[in-house]
Amino acid sequence: MNTINTLGPNTPRIALIGECMIELQHRADGSLQQSFGGDTLNTAVYLSRELGTAGSVDYVTALGDDSFSDAMCRSWSDENIGLGMVQRLPGRLPGLYCIQTDAAGERRFLYWRNEAAVRDCFTTPAATPILAALPDYDVLYFSGITLAVLGVKGREKLLETLIEARQRDARIVFDNNYRPRLWASIEEARAAYRSVLPYVDLALLTVDDEQALFHFADCEAVFEAYEQIGTPEVVLKRGAEACLIRCAGESFKVPAQKVEQVVDTTAAGDSFSAAYLASRLKGGSPVEAAEAGHRLASRVIQVPGALIPR
């Protein structure tokens, strides 16, 4: 059974696969504040911070050759994230999204990502050496959003990579992050998820997403499904409620940290996942890892935006 904290190397190499987009925040006065965002990128940043010198973090994506892509790469380098697996495709652009907030504080997201460079991340000639190098990493991390944006051909390449990485004793980490608007149908999404889940060693799941995608009745039904798949370690993230964990036949319930005022829940789950994984890679128990995840997430939701200052 592959568990995350049984890795041999003292400084594991981790590759996170996904998309980072240009983010525009629509302010009340009509102005726009520009930044960058993406689920696996948020996790990569927090993972790099949490690990420090105890591991190395690379990001795997495709960008354009524009100034926004340049700025992304500079910011990732500042966070000690390796850029050797980032493709720069001439004439292409990153995806873009805008956040609009109404008078009640509810947020609405508008996306422009259909032509984003990441769509061809695993199908260009330049992807061949990247795909060949990925199985040599100690940990590969991706999400449901990764599955969606890669498309059919990209998902096929990813699946081949996961199988080979597993054969080389790499650990596979998956965050479910189901976003219905990214899929042509729920059947397509289910098929994509089911194709990769048998190769996952650590599943970091949001309960609401699992219920939306697979219509599970409750948390126990989720655990039973993943036990049948054979996933060694499953974490159910439940927002402000305690997270639930099944690992190597044991069950754990770890309370979340109470926060007096929630400012912005963006990247709460991404940061939890980063701190959980970092703790496990450093030898922490599932309970210690969940406590670390709750601590970081509680700080993140008290600050606007996905990435809090270092």
Protein backbone atom coordinates (compact mmCIF):
# COMPACT_ATOMS: atom_id res chain seq x y z
CA MET A 1 0.00 0.00 0.00
CA ASN A 2 1.44 3.36 -1.05
CA THR A 3 1.09 6.00 1.65
CA ILE A 4 2.38 9.51 1.25
CA ASN A 5 4.76 9.59 4.21
CA THR A 6 6.66 6.44 3.27
CA LEU A 7 8.69 8.13 0.54
CA GLY A 8 12.38 7.37 0.56
CA PRO A 9 14.02 10.69 -0.39
CA ASN A 10 14.57 13.22 2.36
CA THR A 11 13.78 16.01 -0.11
CA PRO A 12 11.03 14.72 -2.40
CA ARG A 13 10.46 16.24 -5.83
CA ILE A 14 6.84 17.24 -6.40
CA ALA A 15 5.24 18.25 -9.71
CA LEU A 16 1.82 19.92 -9.73
CA ILE A 17 -0.07 19.88 -13.03
CA GLY A 18 -2.71 22.43 -13.94
CA GLU A 19 -3.70 25.91 -15.04
CA CYS A 20 -3.01 29.40 -13.77
CA MET A 21 -5.16 32.21 -15.17
CA ILE A 22 -5.19 35.97 -15.25
CA GLU A 23 -7.60 37.12 -12.54
CA LEU A 24 -9.58 40.37 -12.68
CA GLN A 25 -11.44 41.49 -9.55
CA HIS A 26 -14.33 43.82 -10.38
CA ARG A 27 -14.46 46.53 -7.70
CA ALA A 28 -17.51 48.52 -6.61
CA ASP A 29 -16.23 51.69 -8.31
CA GLY A 30 -16.01 49.86 -11.65
CA SER A 31 -12.24 49.46 -11.65
CA LEU A 32 -10.47 46.13 -12.06
CA GLN A 33 -7.64 44.73 -9.95
CA GLN A 34 -5.47 42.24 -11.79
CA SER A 35 -3.75 39.21 -10.24
CA PHE A 36 -3.29 35.50 -11.01
CA GLY A 37 -5.16 32.42 -9.81
CA GLY A 38 -5.62 28.69 -10.22
CA ASP A 39 -6.31 25.78 -7.89
CA THR A 40 -3.15 23.72 -8.38
CA LEU A 41 -1.03 26.87 -8.60
CA ASN A 42 -2.39 28.05 -5.24
CA THR A 43 -1.50 24.65 -3.80
CA ALA A 44 1.97 24.79 -5.36
CA VAL A 45 2.71 28.15 -3.75
CA TYR A 46 1.55 27.09 -0.29
CA LEU A 47 3.26 23.72 -0.61
CA SER A 48 6.55 25.40 -1.47
CA ARG A 49 6.19 27.70 1.53
CA GLU A 50 5.28 24.86 3.88
CA LEU A 51 8.07 22.54 2.74
CA GLY A 52 10.85 25.10 2.57
CA THR A 53 14.07 23.18 2.00
CA ALA A 54 12.38 19.86 2.81
CA GLY A 55 11.27 19.38 -0.81
CA SER A 56 11.24 20.90 -4.28
CA VAL A 57 8.12 22.00 -6.13
CA ASP A 58 7.74 22.32 -9.92
CA TYR A 59 4.67 23.54 -11.79
CA VAL A 60 3.60 21.86 -15.03
CA THR A 61 1.54 23.98 -17.41
CA ALA A 62 1.55 25.82 -20.73
CA LEU A 63 1.54 29.59 -21.11
CA GLY A 64 1.90 32.07 -23.95
CA ASP A 65 4.82 34.32 -24.84
CA ASP A 66 3.01 37.46 -23.61
CA SER A 67 3.75 39.86 -20.76
CA PHE A 68 1.14 38.27 -18.46
CA SER A 69 2.82 34.89 -18.86
CA ASP A 70 6.18 36.54 -18.13
CA ALA A 71 4.76 38.00 -14.92
CA MET A 72 3.34 34.64 -13.86
CA CYS A 73 6.72 32.97 -14.25
CA ARG A 74 8.47 35.70 -12.27
CA SER A 75 5.99 35.37 -9.41
CA TRP A 76 6.37 31.57 -9.34
CA SER A 77 10.14 31.84 -9.31
CA ASP A 78 9.87 34.25 -6.36
CA GLU A 79 7.97 31.48 -4.53
CA ASN A 80 10.76 28.95 -5.26
CA ILE A 81 8.61 27.06 -7.74
CA GLY A 82 10.59 25.44 -10.55
CA LEU A 83 9.80 26.56 -14.10
CA GLY A 84 11.54 23.78 -16.01
CA MET A 85 8.21 22.08 -16.83
CA VAL A 86 6.44 25.24 -18.03
CA GLN A 87 5.91 25.45 -21.79
CA ARG A 88 5.79 28.86 -23.48
CA LEU A 89 3.74 28.57 -26.68
CA PRO A 90 4.31 31.35 -29.27
CA GLY A 91 1.25 33.43 -30.05
CA ARG A 92 -0.85 31.88 -27.26
CA LEU A 93 -2.28 33.40 -24.07
CA PRO A 94 -3.26 32.19 -20.59
CA GLY A 95 -6.91 31.89 -19.64
CA LEU A 96 -8.67 34.80 -17.96
CA TYR A 97 -11.49 35.12 -15.45
CA CYS A 98 -13.30 37.98 -13.74
CA ILE A 99 -14.79 37.98 -10.23
CA GLN A 100 -17.91 40.09 -9.70
CA THR A 101 -19.34 40.54 -6.20
CA ASP A 102 -22.95 41.65 -5.60
CA ALA A 103 -24.31 43.77 -2.74
CA ALA A 104 -24.81 40.67 -0.58
CA GLY A 105 -21.21 39.57 -1.02
CA GLU A 106 -22.05 36.70 -3.35
CA ARG A 107 -19.42 36.13 -6.04
CA ARG A 108 -19.93 35.42 -9.74
CA PHE A 109 -17.16 34.16 -12.00
CA LEU A 110 -16.87 34.92 -15.72
CA TYR A 111 -14.35 32.84 -17.70
CA TRP A 112 -12.45 33.22 -20.98
CA ARG A 113 -10.38 30.05 -21.18
CA ASN A 114 -11.44 28.00 -24.22
CA GLU A 115 -8.34 29.02 -26.20
CA ALA A 116 -5.92 29.03 -23.24
CA ALA A 117 -2.45 27.65 -23.92
CA VAL A 118 -2.86 24.98 -21.23
CA ARG A 119 -5.36 23.18 -23.47
CA ASP A 120 -2.38 21.96 -25.51
CA CYS A 121 -0.11 21.34 -22.53
CA PHE A 122 0.37 17.62 -23.27
CA THR A 123 -0.17 17.57 -27.05
CA THR A 124 2.64 19.78 -28.40
CA PRO A 125 6.02 18.42 -29.58
CA ALA A 126 7.61 20.23 -26.63
CA ALA A 127 5.46 18.16 -24.26
CA THR A 128 7.27 14.92 -25.14
CA PRO A 129 10.31 15.43 -22.87
CA ILE A 130 8.07 16.79 -20.11
CA LEU A 131 5.84 13.73 -20.17
CA ALA A 132 8.94 11.53 -20.18
CA ALA A 133 10.33 13.31 -17.11
CA LEU A 134 7.18 13.33 -14.97
CA PRO A 135 7.31 9.65 -13.86
CA ASP A 136 10.69 10.34 -12.21
CA TYR A 137 9.12 12.71 -9.69
CA ASP A 138 8.35 11.42 -6.20
CA VAL A 139 4.88 13.00 -6.12
CA LEU A 140 2.51 14.03 -8.90
CA TYR A 141 -0.40 16.29 -7.97
CA PHE A 142 -3.38 17.24 -10.13
CA SER A 143 -7.05 18.14 -9.77
CA GLY A 144 -10.43 17.74 -11.37
CA ILE A 145 -9.89 21.10 -13.02
CA THR A 146 -6.65 19.75 -14.50
CA LEU A 147 -8.63 16.89 -16.02
CA ALA A 148 -11.15 19.29 -17.52
CA VAL A 149 -8.76 21.79 -19.10
CA LEU A 150 -6.43 19.17 -20.61
CA GLY A 151 -9.17 17.83 -22.87
CA VAL A 152 -9.55 14.29 -24.16
CA LYS A 153 -6.09 13.89 -25.73
CA GLY A 154 -4.36 15.57 -22.81
CA ARG A 155 -6.17 13.32 -20.35
CA GLU A 156 -5.02 10.26 -22.28
CA LYS A 157 -1.41 11.44 -21.98
CA LEU A 158 -1.88 12.18 -18.28
CA LEU A 159 -3.29 8.72 -17.62
CA GLU A 160 -0.32 7.09 -19.37
CA THR A 161 2.00 9.20 -17.23
CA LEU A 162 0.23 8.28 -13.99
CA ILE A 163 0.47 4.57 -14.78
CA GLU A 164 4.19 4.79 -15.52
CA ALA A 165 4.84 6.99 -12.47
CA ARG A 166 3.09 4.46 -10.25
CA GLN A 167 5.28 1.71 -11.71
CA ARG A 168 8.31 3.77 -10.66
CA ASP A 169 6.90 4.06 -7.11
CA ALA A 170 5.78 7.69 -7.37
CA ARG A 171 2.85 8.82 -5.22
CA ILE A 172 -0.20 10.31 -6.92
CA VAL A 173 -2.26 13.02 -5.20
CA PHE A 174 -5.66 14.16 -6.49
CA ASP A 175 -7.93 17.03 -5.44
CA ASN A 176 -11.42 16.44 -6.85
CA ASN A 177 -12.35 20.12 -7.58
CA TYR A 178 -15.36 19.42 -9.79
CA ARG A 179 -16.53 22.42 -11.85
CA PRO A 180 -19.59 21.48 -13.98
CA ARG A 181 -19.20 24.36 -16.43
CA LEU A 182 -15.84 22.97 -17.59
CA TRP A 183 -17.38 19.71 -18.79
CA ALA A 184 -19.63 18.93 -21.76
CA SER A 185 -21.66 16.62 -19.52
CA ILE A 186 -21.61 15.02 -16.10
CA GLU A 187 -21.11 11.66 -17.82
CA GLU A 188 -17.90 12.90 -19.44
CA ALA A 189 -16.63 14.15 -16.08
CA ARG A 190 -17.46 10.90 -14.31
CA ALA A 191 -15.66 8.87 -16.96
CA ALA A 192 -12.57 11.07 -16.70
CA TYR A 193 -12.47 10.87 -12.91
CA ARG A 194 -13.00 7.11 -12.87
CA SER A 195 -10.16 6.59 -15.33
CA VAL A 196 -7.54 8.14 -13.00
CA LEU A 197 -8.85 7.28 -9.52
CA PRO A 198 -7.43 3.72 -9.44
CA TYR A 199 -3.92 5.23 -9.54
CA VAL A 200 -4.41 7.78 -6.73
CA ASP A 201 -2.62 7.30 -3.40
CA LEU A 202 -4.02 10.37 -1.62
CA ALA A 203 -7.46 11.74 -2.49
CA LEU A 204 -8.20 15.23 -1.14
CA LEU A 205 -11.94 15.56 -1.60
CA THR A 206 -14.49 18.30 -1.08
CA VAL A 207 -17.71 16.62 0.03
CA ASP A 208 -19.98 18.96 -1.93
CA ASP A 209 -18.09 18.22 -5.16
CA GLU A 210 -18.28 14.46 -4.59
CA GLN A 211 -22.03 14.67 -4.04
CA ALA A 212 -22.53 16.90 -7.08
CA LEU A 213 -20.54 14.60 -9.36
CA PHE A 214 -21.38 11.13 -8.08
CA HIS A 215 -24.55 11.80 -6.06
CA PHE A 216 -23.25 10.12 -2.91
CA ALA A 217 -25.80 10.09 -0.11
CA ASP A 218 -23.33 10.94 2.69
CA CYS A 219 -19.69 10.86 3.74
CA GLU A 220 -19.77 7.17 4.54
CA ALA A 221 -20.88 6.44 0.99
CA VAL A 222 -17.88 8.41 -0.30
CA PHE A 223 -15.49 6.41 1.86
CA GLU A 224 -17.06 3.14 0.77
CA ALA A 225 -16.69 4.06 -2.89
CA TYR A 226 -13.02 4.96 -2.53
CA GLU A 227 -12.37 1.81 -0.48
CA GLN A 228 -13.71 -0.21 -3.40
CA ILE A 229 -11.41 1.70 -5.76
CA GLY A 230 -8.50 0.92 -3.42
CA THR A 231 -7.40 4.47 -2.52
CA PRO A 232 -5.08 4.14 0.51
CA GLU A 233 -5.69 7.62 1.98
CA VAL A 234 -8.86 9.70 1.64
CA VAL A 235 -9.46 13.13 3.18
CA LEU A 236 -12.94 14.70 3.14
CA LYS A 237 -12.77 18.49 3.39
CA ARG A 238 -15.99 19.96 4.79
CA GLY A 239 -15.34 23.70 5.11
CA ALA A 240 -15.88 24.94 8.66
CA GLU A 241 -16.79 21.44 9.84
CA ALA A 242 -14.28 18.79 10.93
CA CYS A 243 -12.50 16.98 8.14
CA LEU A 244 -12.80 13.19 7.99
CA ILE A 245 -9.92 10.87 7.11
CA ARG A 246 -9.55 7.20 6.24
CA CYS A 247 -5.98 5.98 6.05
CA ALA A 248 -4.70 2.40 6.12
CA GLY A 249 -7.96 1.17 7.63
CA GLU A 250 -8.10 3.81 10.38
CA SER A 251 -10.61 6.66 10.69
CA PHE A 252 -9.95 10.15 12.04
CA LYS A 253 -12.05 13.26 12.64
CA VAL A 254 -10.13 16.53 12.99
CA PRO A 255 -12.02 19.73 13.95
CA ALA A 256 -11.51 22.88 11.92
CA GLN A 257 -10.17 26.03 13.56
CA LYS A 258 -12.79 28.62 14.41
CA VAL A 259 -12.44 32.00 12.72
CA GLU A 260 -14.28 35.07 14.02
CA GLN A 261 -14.52 36.84 10.67
CA VAL A 262 -14.24 35.17 7.28
CA VAL A 263 -13.04 37.67 4.67
CA ASP A 264 -12.54 35.52 1.57
CA THR A 265 -12.77 31.73 1.26
CA THR A 266 -10.79 31.66 -2.00
CA ALA A 267 -8.08 28.95 -1.86
CA ALA A 268 -9.22 27.62 1.51
CA GLY A 269 -9.30 24.08 0.16
CA ASP A 270 -6.14 24.56 -1.93
CA SER A 271 -4.17 25.76 1.10
CA PHE A 272 -5.52 22.96 3.30
CA SER A 273 -4.36 20.43 0.72
CA ALA A 274 -0.91 22.00 0.54
CA ALA A 275 -0.35 21.98 4.30
CA TYR A 276 -1.77 18.46 4.63
CA LEU A 277 0.54 17.10 1.93
CA ALA A 278 3.58 18.97 3.28
CA SER A 279 3.02 17.54 6.74
CA ARG A 280 2.63 14.00 5.44
CA LEU A 281 5.78 14.31 3.33
CA LYS A 282 7.68 15.44 6.41
CA GLY A 283 6.50 12.39 8.35
CA GLY A 284 3.43 13.79 10.09
CA SER A 285 0.46 11.59 10.94
CA PRO A 286 -2.90 12.11 9.20
CA VAL A 287 -4.19 13.95 12.28
CA GLU A 288 -1.13 16.21 12.44
CA ALA A 289 -1.45 16.86 8.72
CA ALA A 290 -5.13 17.80 9.02
CA GLU A 291 -4.34 20.13 11.91
CA ALA A 292 -1.70 21.82 9.76
CA GLY A 293 -4.22 22.09 6.93
CA HIS A 294 -6.83 23.70 9.16
CA ARG A 295 -4.27 26.15 10.57
CA LEU A 296 -3.20 27.39 7.17
CA ALA A 297 -6.73 27.52 5.76
CA SER A 298 -7.93 29.52 8.78
CA ARG A 299 -5.27 32.15 8.03
CA VAL A 300 -6.00 32.23 4.31
CA ILE A 301 -9.73 32.92 4.71
CA GLN A 302 -9.01 35.99 6.86
CA VAL A 303 -7.20 37.75 4.00
CA PRO A 304 -8.59 38.85 0.60
CA GLY A 305 -7.41 36.84 -2.39
CA ALA A 306 -6.03 33.36 -2.89
CA LEU A 307 -2.44 33.97 -1.79
CA ILE A 308 -1.73 35.62 1.53
CA PRO A 309 1.55 37.51 2.05
CA ARG A 310 4.51 35.44 3.10
